Amino acid sequence: MRVCDITLTEKTKVFIITETEDESILNWLIVPTDLETIPNEDNLYLVKGIDTDNKEGNNCYLSISIPERIVGSIISIDTSNSISVLDFSEQDRQIIPVIVSECYGNYELYYAKPNSSIGIEVLKHGLDKANDKSAALEDLGYILRDENRIKESIEAFEQAILYGVSSEYIYWELAELYKLLNQPNEIEFYINKFRDNGGENT
């Protein structure tokens, strides 16, 4: 099928984009999947999104390049099944995927301000569906950190460690978070973990 064949009743959350030669994204070829997460597999995907400023009556998809986790376009479908293509970088609308990513990347993909609770709930709900939960937990940890929900952020980052972290800087983040709670033993523990895993001395 083509992108322009998507309708309001479409239930598929992830399409794989298989053909992009046409100048119009509406004519690109896509294959539906039964995926419930964005996989950590190199590809171009069309992923169901949610407009956090207009949750009711909204239907849209985001074109996302993996592993870069870069969003290119928004495919927006109105109530008459008319489809429009928008450049993601030029939009003020806060649109995020409705499912978690198993590929690491910029956590702001899920950070919709000022409606941060929506992205937080997407990430929490999606953890049960992810085979590798670490990327989603790191996304969650960063958003909770930025929302000053320190204890919850620590919990998310510490859970991420159980599955393997993206870099040694997760240990640094935890040390910084524990500084806010004035817990010197935990600060020292995570600074040492940071250094033991290749982090430079500070």
N, C-alpha and C. Protein backbone atom coordinates (compact mmCIF):
# COMPACT_ATOMS: atom_id res chain seq x y z
N MET A 1 0.84 -1.19 0.00
CA MET A 1 0.00 0.00 0.00
C MET A 1 0.88 1.25 0.00
N ARG A 2 0.24 2.39 -0.26
CA ARG A 2 0.95 3.67 -0.25
C ARG A 2 0.54 4.48 0.98
N VAL A 3 1.34 5.47 1.32
CA VAL A 3 1.03 6.32 2.46
C VAL A 3 -0.35 6.95 2.31
N CYS A 4 -0.69 7.34 1.10
CA CYS A 4 -1.99 8.00 0.87
C CYS A 4 -3.18 7.07 1.09
N ASP A 5 -2.94 5.76 1.24
CA ASP A 5 -4.03 4.81 1.46
C ASP A 5 -4.43 4.71 2.93
N ILE A 6 -3.66 5.32 3.82
CA ILE A 6 -3.98 5.26 5.24
C ILE A 6 -5.25 6.06 5.50
N THR A 7 -6.13 5.49 6.33
CA THR A 7 -7.39 6.17 6.68
C THR A 7 -7.50 6.32 8.19
N LEU A 8 -8.54 7.03 8.60
CA LEU A 8 -8.76 7.25 10.03
C LEU A 8 -8.96 5.96 10.81
N THR A 9 -9.44 4.93 10.13
CA THR A 9 -9.73 3.67 10.83
C THR A 9 -8.51 2.76 10.92
N GLU A 10 -7.38 3.18 10.38
CA GLU A 10 -6.18 2.35 10.38
C GLU A 10 -5.72 2.08 11.82
N LYS A 11 -5.49 0.80 12.15
CA LYS A 11 -5.07 0.41 13.50
C LYS A 11 -3.57 0.15 13.60
N THR A 12 -2.90 0.01 12.46
CA THR A 12 -1.48 -0.32 12.47
C THR A 12 -0.68 0.80 13.13
N LYS A 13 0.21 0.42 14.04
CA LYS A 13 1.03 1.40 14.76
C LYS A 13 2.37 1.65 14.09
N VAL A 14 2.87 0.63 13.37
CA VAL A 14 4.17 0.77 12.71
C VAL A 14 4.10 0.21 11.30
N PHE A 15 4.43 1.05 10.32
CA PHE A 15 4.64 0.61 8.95
C PHE A 15 6.14 0.68 8.65
N ILE A 16 6.61 -0.25 7.83
CA ILE A 16 7.96 -0.14 7.29
C ILE A 16 7.84 0.54 5.93
N ILE A 17 8.62 1.59 5.74
CA ILE A 17 8.62 2.29 4.45
C ILE A 17 9.61 1.58 3.53
N THR A 18 9.12 1.07 2.42
CA THR A 18 9.94 0.23 1.56
C THR A 18 10.37 0.90 0.26
N GLU A 19 9.72 1.99 -0.10
CA GLU A 19 10.04 2.66 -1.37
C GLU A 19 9.86 4.16 -1.19
N THR A 20 10.93 4.92 -1.47
CA THR A 20 10.90 6.36 -1.23
C THR A 20 11.31 7.17 -2.47
N GLU A 21 11.28 6.55 -3.64
CA GLU A 21 11.78 7.23 -4.84
C GLU A 21 10.87 8.36 -5.31
N ASP A 22 9.58 8.25 -5.07
CA ASP A 22 8.67 9.30 -5.52
C ASP A 22 8.91 10.58 -4.74
N GLU A 23 8.78 11.72 -5.40
CA GLU A 23 9.00 13.01 -4.74
C GLU A 23 7.99 13.26 -3.62
N SER A 24 6.79 12.72 -3.77
CA SER A 24 5.75 12.91 -2.76
C SER A 24 5.76 11.74 -1.78
N ILE A 25 5.87 12.05 -0.50
CA ILE A 25 5.84 11.01 0.52
C ILE A 25 4.52 10.25 0.50
N LEU A 26 3.46 10.87 0.00
CA LEU A 26 2.15 10.21 -0.06
C LEU A 26 2.16 9.00 -0.98
N ASN A 27 3.10 8.97 -1.92
CA ASN A 27 3.20 7.85 -2.86
C ASN A 27 4.24 6.81 -2.44
N TRP A 28 4.88 7.03 -1.31
CA TRP A 28 5.85 6.04 -0.84
C TRP A 28 5.13 4.74 -0.49
N LEU A 29 5.80 3.62 -0.73
CA LEU A 29 5.22 2.32 -0.42
C LEU A 29 5.52 1.93 1.02
N ILE A 30 4.51 1.38 1.67
CA ILE A 30 4.64 0.99 3.07
C ILE A 30 4.07 -0.41 3.27
N VAL A 31 4.63 -1.10 4.27
CA VAL A 31 4.16 -2.43 4.62
C VAL A 31 3.71 -2.42 6.08
N PRO A 32 2.45 -2.81 6.36
CA PRO A 32 1.99 -2.82 7.76
C PRO A 32 2.66 -3.92 8.56
N THR A 33 2.84 -3.69 9.85
CA THR A 33 3.40 -4.69 10.75
C THR A 33 2.48 -4.81 11.96
N ASP A 34 2.77 -5.79 12.80
CA ASP A 34 2.04 -5.90 14.07
C ASP A 34 2.92 -5.47 15.24
N LEU A 35 3.96 -4.69 14.96
CA LEU A 35 4.89 -4.24 15.98
C LEU A 35 4.19 -3.33 16.99
N GLU A 36 4.57 -3.48 18.27
CA GLU A 36 4.04 -2.64 19.34
C GLU A 36 5.10 -1.71 19.90
N THR A 37 6.31 -1.77 19.33
CA THR A 37 7.39 -0.85 19.68
C THR A 37 8.12 -0.47 18.40
N ILE A 38 8.91 0.62 18.48
CA ILE A 38 9.80 0.96 17.36
C ILE A 38 11.04 0.10 17.52
N PRO A 39 11.32 -0.80 16.59
CA PRO A 39 12.43 -1.74 16.79
C PRO A 39 13.79 -1.09 16.61
N ASN A 40 14.79 -1.70 17.21
CA ASN A 40 16.17 -1.24 17.07
C ASN A 40 16.78 -1.91 15.83
N GLU A 41 16.20 -1.63 14.69
CA GLU A 41 16.64 -2.19 13.42
C GLU A 41 16.67 -1.08 12.38
N ASP A 42 17.80 -0.96 11.69
CA ASP A 42 17.97 0.11 10.70
C ASP A 42 16.84 0.06 9.67
N ASN A 43 16.11 1.16 9.60
CA ASN A 43 15.02 1.22 8.62
C ASN A 43 14.36 2.59 8.71
N LEU A 44 13.47 2.84 7.78
CA LEU A 44 12.63 4.03 7.82
C LEU A 44 11.22 3.55 8.12
N TYR A 45 10.65 4.11 9.19
CA TYR A 45 9.34 3.65 9.66
C TYR A 45 8.32 4.79 9.64
N LEU A 46 7.08 4.38 9.54
CA LEU A 46 5.96 5.30 9.74
C LEU A 46 5.28 4.85 11.02
N VAL A 47 5.30 5.72 12.02
CA VAL A 47 4.86 5.33 13.37
C VAL A 47 3.68 6.19 13.79
N LYS A 48 2.66 5.55 14.30
CA LYS A 48 1.47 6.28 14.76
C LYS A 48 1.87 7.27 15.85
N GLY A 49 1.32 8.49 15.73
CA GLY A 49 1.63 9.53 16.70
C GLY A 49 0.40 10.06 17.40
N ILE A 50 0.66 10.89 18.37
CA ILE A 50 -0.42 11.55 19.08
C ILE A 50 -0.08 13.03 19.19
N ASP A 51 -1.02 13.85 18.83
CA ASP A 51 -0.88 15.30 18.97
C ASP A 51 -1.29 15.64 20.39
N THR A 52 -0.31 15.95 21.24
CA THR A 52 -0.60 16.13 22.66
C THR A 52 -1.40 17.40 22.94
N ASP A 53 -1.51 18.27 21.96
CA ASP A 53 -2.35 19.46 22.11
C ASP A 53 -3.79 19.20 21.67
N ASN A 54 -4.00 18.04 21.03
CA ASN A 54 -5.33 17.76 20.49
C ASN A 54 -5.52 16.25 20.45
N LYS A 55 -5.61 15.65 21.63
CA LYS A 55 -5.70 14.19 21.71
C LYS A 55 -6.99 13.65 21.09
N GLU A 56 -8.06 14.42 21.16
CA GLU A 56 -9.34 13.97 20.63
C GLU A 56 -9.42 14.27 19.13
N GLY A 57 -9.85 13.30 18.37
CA GLY A 57 -10.06 13.52 16.94
C GLY A 57 -8.78 13.70 16.15
N ASN A 58 -7.68 13.22 16.68
CA ASN A 58 -6.41 13.37 16.00
C ASN A 58 -5.94 12.03 15.46
N ASN A 59 -5.44 12.03 14.24
CA ASN A 59 -4.83 10.82 13.71
C ASN A 59 -3.64 11.24 12.87
N CYS A 60 -2.47 10.79 13.25
CA CYS A 60 -1.28 11.18 12.51
C CYS A 60 -0.21 10.10 12.63
N TYR A 61 0.76 10.19 11.73
CA TYR A 61 1.92 9.30 11.73
C TYR A 61 3.18 10.14 11.60
N LEU A 62 4.26 9.61 12.13
CA LEU A 62 5.57 10.25 12.03
C LEU A 62 6.50 9.35 11.23
N SER A 63 7.24 9.95 10.28
CA SER A 63 8.28 9.17 9.60
C SER A 63 9.55 9.28 10.46
N ILE A 64 10.05 8.11 10.87
CA ILE A 64 11.19 8.08 11.79
C ILE A 64 12.29 7.20 11.22
N SER A 65 13.49 7.78 11.14
CA SER A 65 14.66 7.04 10.66
C SER A 65 15.38 6.42 11.84
N ILE A 66 15.60 5.11 11.76
CA ILE A 66 16.33 4.36 12.79
C ILE A 66 17.61 3.83 12.16
N PRO A 67 18.79 3.94 12.77
CA PRO A 67 19.00 4.15 14.21
C PRO A 67 19.14 5.60 14.65
N GLU A 68 19.11 6.56 13.72
CA GLU A 68 19.30 7.95 14.13
C GLU A 68 18.16 8.47 15.00
N ARG A 69 17.00 7.86 14.86
CA ARG A 69 15.79 8.25 15.57
C ARG A 69 15.42 9.69 15.24
N ILE A 70 15.50 10.00 13.96
CA ILE A 70 15.19 11.35 13.47
C ILE A 70 13.80 11.34 12.84
N VAL A 71 12.99 12.31 13.23
CA VAL A 71 11.65 12.46 12.65
C VAL A 71 11.73 13.41 11.47
N GLY A 72 11.19 12.99 10.33
CA GLY A 72 11.20 13.82 9.14
C GLY A 72 9.88 14.53 8.91
N SER A 73 8.82 13.76 8.74
CA SER A 73 7.53 14.34 8.37
C SER A 73 6.41 13.87 9.28
N ILE A 74 5.35 14.64 9.28
CA ILE A 74 4.11 14.28 9.94
C ILE A 74 3.07 14.01 8.85
N ILE A 75 2.43 12.87 8.92
CA ILE A 75 1.31 12.56 8.04
C ILE A 75 0.05 12.74 8.86
N SER A 76 -0.73 13.77 8.52
CA SER A 76 -1.91 14.11 9.31
C SER A 76 -3.17 13.78 8.52
N ILE A 77 -4.11 13.11 9.17
CA ILE A 77 -5.35 12.68 8.53
C ILE A 77 -6.52 13.34 9.24
N ASP A 78 -7.34 14.10 8.49
CA ASP A 78 -8.47 14.78 9.13
C ASP A 78 -9.72 13.91 9.09
N THR A 79 -10.81 14.44 9.60
CA THR A 79 -12.03 13.65 9.74
C THR A 79 -12.66 13.26 8.41
N SER A 80 -12.26 13.91 7.32
CA SER A 80 -12.77 13.54 6.00
C SER A 80 -11.80 12.61 5.26
N ASN A 81 -10.81 12.09 6.00
CA ASN A 81 -9.77 11.22 5.45
C ASN A 81 -8.86 11.93 4.46
N SER A 82 -8.81 13.24 4.54
CA SER A 82 -7.87 14.00 3.73
C SER A 82 -6.50 13.99 4.41
N ILE A 83 -5.46 13.68 3.63
CA ILE A 83 -4.11 13.54 4.19
C ILE A 83 -3.25 14.73 3.81
N SER A 84 -2.51 15.24 4.78
CA SER A 84 -1.55 16.30 4.51
C SER A 84 -0.19 15.91 5.07
N VAL A 85 0.85 16.46 4.46
CA VAL A 85 2.23 16.18 4.88
C VAL A 85 2.83 17.46 5.43
N LEU A 86 3.37 17.38 6.65
CA LEU A 86 3.97 18.53 7.31
C LEU A 86 5.41 18.21 7.68
N ASP A 87 6.26 19.23 7.63
CA ASP A 87 7.65 19.08 8.06
C ASP A 87 7.69 19.13 9.58
N PHE A 88 8.18 18.07 10.20
CA PHE A 88 8.17 17.96 11.66
C PHE A 88 8.92 19.12 12.31
N SER A 89 10.06 19.50 11.74
CA SER A 89 10.91 20.52 12.35
C SER A 89 10.29 21.92 12.31
N GLU A 90 9.27 22.09 11.48
CA GLU A 90 8.65 23.41 11.33
C GLU A 90 7.36 23.55 12.12
N GLN A 91 7.00 22.51 12.90
CA GLN A 91 5.73 22.53 13.60
C GLN A 91 5.88 22.96 15.06
N ASP A 92 4.89 23.72 15.52
CA ASP A 92 4.81 24.06 16.93
C ASP A 92 4.04 23.00 17.70
N ARG A 93 3.32 22.15 16.97
CA ARG A 93 2.53 21.10 17.62
C ARG A 93 3.45 20.09 18.29
N GLN A 94 3.03 19.61 19.43
CA GLN A 94 3.80 18.63 20.19
C GLN A 94 3.28 17.23 19.86
N ILE A 95 3.92 16.61 18.88
CA ILE A 95 3.49 15.29 18.43
C ILE A 95 4.56 14.27 18.80
N ILE A 96 4.14 13.20 19.47
CA ILE A 96 5.06 12.15 19.91
C ILE A 96 4.54 10.79 19.45
N PRO A 97 5.41 9.78 19.37
CA PRO A 97 4.94 8.44 19.04
C PRO A 97 4.04 7.89 20.14
N VAL A 98 3.14 7.00 19.75
CA VAL A 98 2.25 6.38 20.75
C VAL A 98 2.86 5.11 21.33
N ILE A 99 4.03 4.73 20.84
CA ILE A 99 4.71 3.53 21.32
C ILE A 99 6.16 3.87 21.64
N VAL A 100 6.79 3.04 22.47
CA VAL A 100 8.18 3.28 22.87
C VAL A 100 9.14 2.85 21.78
N SER A 101 10.34 3.39 21.87
CA SER A 101 11.43 3.00 20.97
C SER A 101 12.39 2.08 21.71
N GLU A 102 12.84 1.03 21.03
CA GLU A 102 13.87 0.17 21.59
C GLU A 102 15.26 0.58 21.08
N CYS A 103 15.29 1.70 20.36
CA CYS A 103 16.54 2.27 19.87
C CYS A 103 16.82 3.54 20.68
N TYR A 104 18.06 3.71 21.13
CA TYR A 104 18.42 4.90 21.89
C TYR A 104 18.37 6.14 21.00
N GLY A 105 18.13 7.28 21.63
CA GLY A 105 18.10 8.53 20.88
C GLY A 105 17.71 9.69 21.77
N ASN A 106 17.44 10.81 21.17
CA ASN A 106 17.08 12.02 21.89
C ASN A 106 15.75 11.81 22.62
N TYR A 107 15.79 11.94 23.95
CA TYR A 107 14.58 11.71 24.74
C TYR A 107 13.47 12.70 24.44
N GLU A 108 13.82 13.84 23.83
CA GLU A 108 12.80 14.85 23.54
C GLU A 108 11.79 14.38 22.50
N LEU A 109 12.08 13.24 21.86
CA LEU A 109 11.09 12.63 20.98
C LEU A 109 9.78 12.37 21.73
N TYR A 110 9.89 12.13 23.06
CA TYR A 110 8.73 11.83 23.88
C TYR A 110 8.40 12.95 24.88
N TYR A 111 9.14 14.04 24.83
CA TYR A 111 8.97 15.10 25.82
C TYR A 111 8.12 16.22 25.24
N ALA A 112 6.83 16.15 25.49
CA ALA A 112 5.89 17.14 24.99
C ALA A 112 5.61 18.16 26.08
N LYS A 113 6.12 19.37 25.90
CA LYS A 113 5.87 20.42 26.87
C LYS A 113 4.67 21.26 26.39
N PRO A 114 3.78 21.70 27.26
CA PRO A 114 3.77 21.47 28.71
C PRO A 114 2.99 20.22 29.11
N ASN A 115 2.70 19.34 28.16
CA ASN A 115 1.91 18.13 28.45
C ASN A 115 2.80 16.92 28.66
N SER A 116 3.78 17.06 29.54
CA SER A 116 4.79 16.01 29.71
C SER A 116 4.19 14.70 30.21
N SER A 117 3.07 14.76 30.90
CA SER A 117 2.48 13.55 31.46
C SER A 117 2.08 12.56 30.36
N ILE A 118 1.78 13.08 29.17
CA ILE A 118 1.37 12.19 28.08
C ILE A 118 2.55 11.32 27.64
N GLY A 119 3.70 11.93 27.41
CA GLY A 119 4.88 11.16 27.03
C GLY A 119 5.31 10.21 28.12
N ILE A 120 5.20 10.64 29.37
CA ILE A 120 5.57 9.78 30.51
C ILE A 120 4.68 8.54 30.52
N GLU A 121 3.40 8.72 30.29
CA GLU A 121 2.48 7.58 30.29
C GLU A 121 2.73 6.66 29.10
N VAL A 122 3.05 7.22 27.93
CA VAL A 122 3.39 6.39 26.78
C VAL A 122 4.58 5.50 27.11
N LEU A 123 5.60 6.08 27.72
CA LEU A 123 6.80 5.32 28.05
C LEU A 123 6.53 4.27 29.11
N LYS A 124 5.80 4.63 30.15
CA LYS A 124 5.51 3.66 31.21
C LYS A 124 4.66 2.51 30.68
N HIS A 125 3.65 2.85 29.88
CA HIS A 125 2.77 1.81 29.32
C HIS A 125 3.53 0.90 28.37
N GLY A 126 4.46 1.48 27.62
CA GLY A 126 5.17 0.70 26.62
C GLY A 126 6.25 -0.22 27.16
N LEU A 127 6.63 -0.03 28.41
CA LEU A 127 7.68 -0.87 28.98
C LEU A 127 7.30 -2.35 28.96
N ASP A 128 6.03 -2.64 29.17
CA ASP A 128 5.58 -4.03 29.19
C ASP A 128 5.70 -4.68 27.81
N LYS A 129 5.71 -3.88 26.77
CA LYS A 129 5.74 -4.42 25.41
C LYS A 129 7.15 -4.50 24.84
N ALA A 130 8.11 -3.83 25.47
CA ALA A 130 9.47 -3.78 24.94
C ALA A 130 10.27 -5.01 25.35
N ASN A 131 10.98 -5.59 24.38
CA ASN A 131 11.89 -6.69 24.70
C ASN A 131 13.12 -6.16 25.43
N ASP A 132 13.66 -5.05 24.93
CA ASP A 132 14.77 -4.37 25.59
C ASP A 132 14.22 -3.05 26.12
N LYS A 133 14.13 -2.94 27.44
CA LYS A 133 13.46 -1.80 28.06
C LYS A 133 14.39 -0.62 28.33
N SER A 134 15.68 -0.78 28.11
CA SER A 134 16.64 0.22 28.55
C SER A 134 16.44 1.58 27.89
N ALA A 135 16.24 1.62 26.57
CA ALA A 135 16.09 2.90 25.88
C ALA A 135 14.88 3.66 26.40
N ALA A 136 13.76 2.96 26.58
CA ALA A 136 12.55 3.61 27.08
C ALA A 136 12.74 4.10 28.52
N LEU A 137 13.44 3.32 29.33
CA LEU A 137 13.70 3.73 30.71
C LEU A 137 14.60 4.96 30.76
N GLU A 138 15.59 5.02 29.86
CA GLU A 138 16.43 6.21 29.82
C GLU A 138 15.63 7.43 29.37
N ASP A 139 14.79 7.28 28.35
CA ASP A 139 13.91 8.37 27.94
C ASP A 139 13.09 8.86 29.13
N LEU A 140 12.54 7.91 29.86
CA LEU A 140 11.70 8.23 31.01
C LEU A 140 12.51 8.95 32.09
N GLY A 141 13.72 8.45 32.34
CA GLY A 141 14.57 9.07 33.36
C GLY A 141 14.89 10.51 33.05
N TYR A 142 15.22 10.80 31.80
CA TYR A 142 15.56 12.17 31.42
C TYR A 142 14.36 13.11 31.53
N ILE A 143 13.19 12.64 31.09
CA ILE A 143 12.00 13.50 31.16
C ILE A 143 11.64 13.78 32.62
N LEU A 144 11.68 12.75 33.45
CA LEU A 144 11.37 12.94 34.87
C LEU A 144 12.39 13.86 35.53
N ARG A 145 13.64 13.76 35.11
CA ARG A 145 14.67 14.67 35.63
C ARG A 145 14.32 16.11 35.28
N ASP A 146 13.97 16.35 34.02
CA ASP A 146 13.65 17.70 33.58
C ASP A 146 12.38 18.24 34.24
N GLU A 147 11.52 17.33 34.65
CA GLU A 147 10.29 17.72 35.34
C GLU A 147 10.49 17.82 36.85
N ASN A 148 11.75 17.68 37.27
CA ASN A 148 12.12 17.79 38.69
C ASN A 148 11.46 16.71 39.56
N ARG A 149 11.19 15.56 38.95
CA ARG A 149 10.66 14.42 39.69
C ARG A 149 11.85 13.50 39.97
N ILE A 150 12.67 13.93 40.93
CA ILE A 150 14.01 13.38 41.11
C ILE A 150 13.99 11.90 41.51
N LYS A 151 13.22 11.55 42.49
CA LYS A 151 13.21 10.15 42.95
C LYS A 151 12.70 9.21 41.85
N GLU A 152 11.71 9.64 41.11
CA GLU A 152 11.20 8.82 40.01
C GLU A 152 12.24 8.70 38.89
N SER A 153 12.97 9.79 38.65
CA SER A 153 14.02 9.76 37.65
C SER A 153 15.11 8.77 38.03
N ILE A 154 15.52 8.81 39.29
CA ILE A 154 16.53 7.87 39.78
C ILE A 154 16.06 6.43 39.59
N GLU A 155 14.82 6.18 39.94
CA GLU A 155 14.26 4.83 39.80
C GLU A 155 14.32 4.36 38.35
N ALA A 156 13.96 5.25 37.41
CA ALA A 156 13.97 4.88 36.00
C ALA A 156 15.39 4.58 35.52
N PHE A 157 16.35 5.44 35.86
CA PHE A 157 17.73 5.22 35.43
C PHE A 157 18.30 3.95 36.05
N GLU A 158 18.00 3.70 37.32
CA GLU A 158 18.53 2.50 37.98
C GLU A 158 17.91 1.24 37.38
N GLN A 159 16.66 1.31 36.96
CA GLN A 159 16.07 0.17 36.25
C GLN A 159 16.73 -0.02 34.89
N ALA A 160 17.06 1.08 34.22
CA ALA A 160 17.71 0.99 32.91
C ALA A 160 19.04 0.24 33.01
N ILE A 161 19.76 0.48 34.10
CA ILE A 161 21.06 -0.17 34.28
C ILE A 161 20.93 -1.69 34.26
N LEU A 162 19.81 -2.20 34.74
CA LEU A 162 19.61 -3.65 34.78
C LEU A 162 19.58 -4.27 33.39
N TYR A 163 19.24 -3.46 32.38
CA TYR A 163 19.14 -3.96 31.00
C TYR A 163 20.34 -3.55 30.15
N GLY A 164 21.21 -2.71 30.69
CA GLY A 164 22.36 -2.23 29.93
C GLY A 164 22.13 -0.81 29.46
N VAL A 165 23.07 0.08 29.77
CA VAL A 165 22.87 1.50 29.49
C VAL A 165 23.52 1.91 28.18
N SER A 166 23.09 3.05 27.67
CA SER A 166 23.62 3.55 26.39
C SER A 166 25.05 4.03 26.52
N SER A 167 25.42 4.56 27.67
CA SER A 167 26.79 5.04 27.89
C SER A 167 27.04 5.21 29.38
N GLU A 168 28.30 5.49 29.71
CA GLU A 168 28.69 5.69 31.11
C GLU A 168 28.04 6.93 31.71
N TYR A 169 27.50 7.80 30.86
CA TYR A 169 26.93 9.05 31.37
C TYR A 169 25.63 8.84 32.14
N ILE A 170 25.03 7.69 32.02
CA ILE A 170 23.86 7.38 32.85
C ILE A 170 24.29 7.33 34.31
N TYR A 171 25.49 6.80 34.60
CA TYR A 171 26.00 6.79 35.97
C TYR A 171 26.25 8.22 36.46
N TRP A 172 26.73 9.06 35.55
CA TRP A 172 26.95 10.46 35.89
C TRP A 172 25.62 11.15 36.22
N GLU A 173 24.60 10.86 35.42
CA GLU A 173 23.28 11.43 35.70
C GLU A 173 22.80 11.03 37.09
N LEU A 174 23.00 9.78 37.44
CA LEU A 174 22.55 9.31 38.75
C LEU A 174 23.33 9.99 39.87
N ALA A 175 24.63 10.18 39.69
CA ALA A 175 25.41 10.90 40.69
C ALA A 175 24.88 12.31 40.89
N GLU A 176 24.56 12.98 39.78
CA GLU A 176 24.04 14.35 39.86
C GLU A 176 22.67 14.38 40.53
N LEU A 177 21.85 13.39 40.25
CA LEU A 177 20.52 13.34 40.88
C LEU A 177 20.63 13.10 42.38
N TYR A 178 21.55 12.23 42.77
CA TYR A 178 21.73 11.96 44.20
C TYR A 178 22.32 13.17 44.92
N LYS A 179 23.05 14.02 44.21
CA LYS A 179 23.52 15.28 44.82
C LYS A 179 22.33 16.13 45.25
N LEU A 180 21.28 16.12 44.45
CA LEU A 180 20.10 16.91 44.77
C LEU A 180 19.41 16.39 46.03
N LEU A 181 19.61 15.11 46.32
CA LEU A 181 19.03 14.51 47.53
C LEU A 181 20.03 14.47 48.68
N ASN A 182 21.24 14.98 48.42
CA ASN A 182 22.28 15.03 49.45
C ASN A 182 22.56 13.64 50.05
N GLN A 183 22.84 12.69 49.16
CA GLN A 183 23.15 11.32 49.59
C GLN A 183 24.56 10.97 49.13
N PRO A 184 25.58 11.28 49.96
CA PRO A 184 26.98 11.16 49.55
C PRO A 184 27.42 9.75 49.18
N ASN A 185 26.90 8.74 49.84
CA ASN A 185 27.32 7.37 49.53
C ASN A 185 26.92 7.00 48.10
N GLU A 186 25.71 7.35 47.72
CA GLU A 186 25.23 7.06 46.37
C GLU A 186 25.97 7.90 45.33
N ILE A 187 26.27 9.15 45.69
CA ILE A 187 27.04 10.01 44.78
C ILE A 187 28.39 9.37 44.47
N GLU A 188 29.09 8.97 45.52
CA GLU A 188 30.42 8.36 45.34
C GLU A 188 30.33 7.07 44.55
N PHE A 189 29.31 6.26 44.82
CA PHE A 189 29.14 4.99 44.13
C PHE A 189 29.00 5.20 42.62
N TYR A 190 28.14 6.15 42.23
CA TYR A 190 27.89 6.33 40.80
C TYR A 190 29.01 7.11 40.10
N ILE A 191 29.71 7.97 40.81
CA ILE A 191 30.88 8.61 40.21
C ILE A 191 31.94 7.56 39.92
N ASN A 192 32.12 6.62 40.83
CA ASN A 192 33.09 5.53 40.61
C ASN A 192 32.65 4.64 39.45
N LYS A 193 31.35 4.36 39.36
CA LYS A 193 30.84 3.57 38.23
C LYS A 193 31.08 4.29 36.91
N PHE A 194 30.88 5.61 36.93
CA PHE A 194 31.13 6.43 35.75
C PHE A 194 32.58 6.30 35.31
N ARG A 195 33.50 6.43 36.25
CA ARG A 195 34.92 6.36 35.92
C ARG A 195 35.33 4.95 35.52
N ASP A 196 34.80 3.96 36.21
CA ASP A 196 35.14 2.56 35.90
C ASP A 196 34.70 2.16 34.50
N ASN A 197 33.68 2.85 33.99
CA ASN A 197 33.16 2.53 32.66
C ASN A 197 33.64 3.48 31.58
N GLY A 198 34.75 4.16 31.87
CA GLY A 198 35.38 4.98 30.84
C GLY A 198 35.18 6.47 30.95
N GLY A 199 34.42 6.91 31.94
CA GLY A 199 34.19 8.33 32.11
C GLY A 199 35.45 9.03 32.60
N GLU A 200 35.66 10.23 32.11
CA GLU A 200 36.84 10.99 32.52
C GLU A 200 36.68 11.53 33.93
N ASN A 201 37.78 11.62 34.64
CA ASN A 201 37.76 12.18 35.99
C ASN A 201 37.28 13.62 35.97
N THR A 202 36.51 13.99 36.97
CA THR A 202 36.00 15.36 37.03
C THR A 202 36.52 16.06 38.27
